[in-house]
Amino acid sequence: MRAEACMIARKLTVESDRMLTRNLISAEAARTWLSHLITEALAPIRRLDRVTRLDPLGRAASDIRADRATATAWRLMAGHGPRGRS
């Protein structure tokens, strides 16, 4: 989540600097607009977090194990066919 927060912060900084230094928007409108940007940026992160919490495999450590198991299965099928025969 830290990487996503940094990306959001950078985006907000650039956008707010652009709007406020050119006096394109009032301070109140800027607050409203930035709040909207934050909400929009957080929505996919929150959806992913909800999906991750519902995942029966759990979080990162078990995801890594599942990824390795899947990679091993694909490698075995590639080398020996889907039924384990060459």
Protein backbone atom coordinates (compact mmCIF):
# COMPACT_ATOMS: atom_id res chain seq x y z
CA MET A 1 0.00 0.00 0.00
CA ARG A 2 2.95 2.34 0.56
CA ALA A 3 3.82 2.39 -3.14
CA GLU A 4 0.23 3.24 -4.04
CA ALA A 5 0.16 6.02 -1.44
CA CYS A 6 3.36 7.50 -2.90
CA MET A 7 1.88 7.43 -6.40
CA ILE A 8 -1.29 9.13 -5.20
CA ALA A 9 0.72 11.77 -3.32
CA ARG A 10 2.80 12.54 -6.41
CA LYS A 11 -0.28 12.83 -8.58
CA LEU A 12 -1.99 15.12 -6.09
CA THR A 13 1.10 17.29 -5.76
CA VAL A 14 1.46 17.76 -9.51
CA GLU A 15 -2.23 18.38 -10.08
CA SER A 16 -2.65 20.77 -7.16
CA ASP A 17 0.50 22.73 -8.05
CA ARG A 18 -0.68 23.07 -11.63
CA MET A 19 -4.13 24.28 -10.64
CA LEU A 20 -3.18 26.54 -7.74
CA THR A 21 -0.10 28.24 -9.22
CA ARG A 22 -2.08 29.30 -12.26
CA ASN A 23 -5.04 30.45 -10.14
CA LEU A 24 -7.31 28.19 -12.17
CA ILE A 25 -9.37 27.20 -9.16
CA SER A 26 -10.34 28.60 -5.77
CA ALA A 27 -8.97 27.06 -2.57
CA GLU A 28 -12.39 25.63 -1.64
CA ALA A 29 -12.91 24.18 -5.12
CA ALA A 30 -9.36 22.77 -4.97
CA ARG A 31 -10.14 21.00 -1.68
CA THR A 32 -13.28 19.49 -3.18
CA TRP A 33 -11.48 18.50 -6.36
CA LEU A 34 -8.51 16.98 -4.54
CA SER A 35 -10.85 15.05 -2.25
CA HIS A 36 -12.53 13.65 -5.35
CA LEU A 37 -9.12 12.69 -6.82
CA ILE A 38 -8.18 10.90 -3.60
CA THR A 39 -11.46 9.01 -3.53
CA GLU A 40 -11.04 7.98 -7.16
CA ALA A 41 -7.44 6.87 -6.62
CA LEU A 42 -8.26 4.87 -3.49
CA ALA A 43 -11.26 3.05 -4.97
CA PRO A 44 -9.31 0.41 -6.95
CA ILE A 45 -6.88 -0.08 -4.04
CA ARG A 46 -9.77 -0.69 -1.65
CA ARG A 47 -11.41 -3.10 -4.11
CA LEU A 48 -8.18 -5.05 -4.43
CA ASP A 49 -7.82 -5.13 -0.65
CA ARG A 50 -11.37 -6.50 -0.28
CA VAL A 51 -10.70 -9.19 -2.88
CA THR A 52 -7.43 -10.10 -1.19
CA ARG A 53 -9.15 -10.45 2.18
CA LEU A 54 -11.77 -12.74 0.62
CA ASP A 55 -9.12 -14.88 -1.09
CA PRO A 56 -9.17 -18.34 0.50
CA LEU A 57 -5.40 -18.58 0.13
CA GLY A 58 -4.86 -15.54 2.31
CA ARG A 59 -2.29 -12.83 1.95
CA ALA A 60 1.19 -12.45 0.49
CA ALA A 61 3.04 -15.49 1.88
CA SER A 62 0.38 -17.94 0.79
CA ASP A 63 0.02 -16.09 -2.54
CA ILE A 64 3.72 -16.66 -3.19
CA ARG A 65 3.34 -20.35 -2.36
CA ALA A 66 0.32 -20.60 -4.66
CA ASP A 67 2.19 -18.84 -7.47
CA ARG A 68 5.13 -21.23 -7.10
CA ALA A 69 2.81 -24.23 -7.08
CA THR A 70 1.05 -22.99 -10.21
CA ALA A 71 4.37 -22.37 -11.97
CA THR A 72 5.55 -25.86 -11.03
CA ALA A 73 2.31 -27.40 -12.32
CA TRP A 74 2.60 -25.56 -15.66
CA ARG A 75 6.26 -26.55 -15.97
CA LEU A 76 5.42 -30.22 -15.31
CA MET A 77 2.55 -30.16 -17.80
CA ALA A 78 4.79 -28.51 -20.40
CA GLY A 79 7.45 -31.14 -19.93
CA HIS A 80 5.30 -34.23 -19.45
CA GLY A 81 1.89 -33.41 -20.88
CA PRO A 82 -1.35 -32.86 -18.94
CA ARG A 83 -1.49 -36.49 -17.74
CA GLY A 84 2.15 -36.72 -16.77
CA ARG A 85 3.20 -38.58 -19.92
CA SER A 86 5.65 -37.35 -22.48
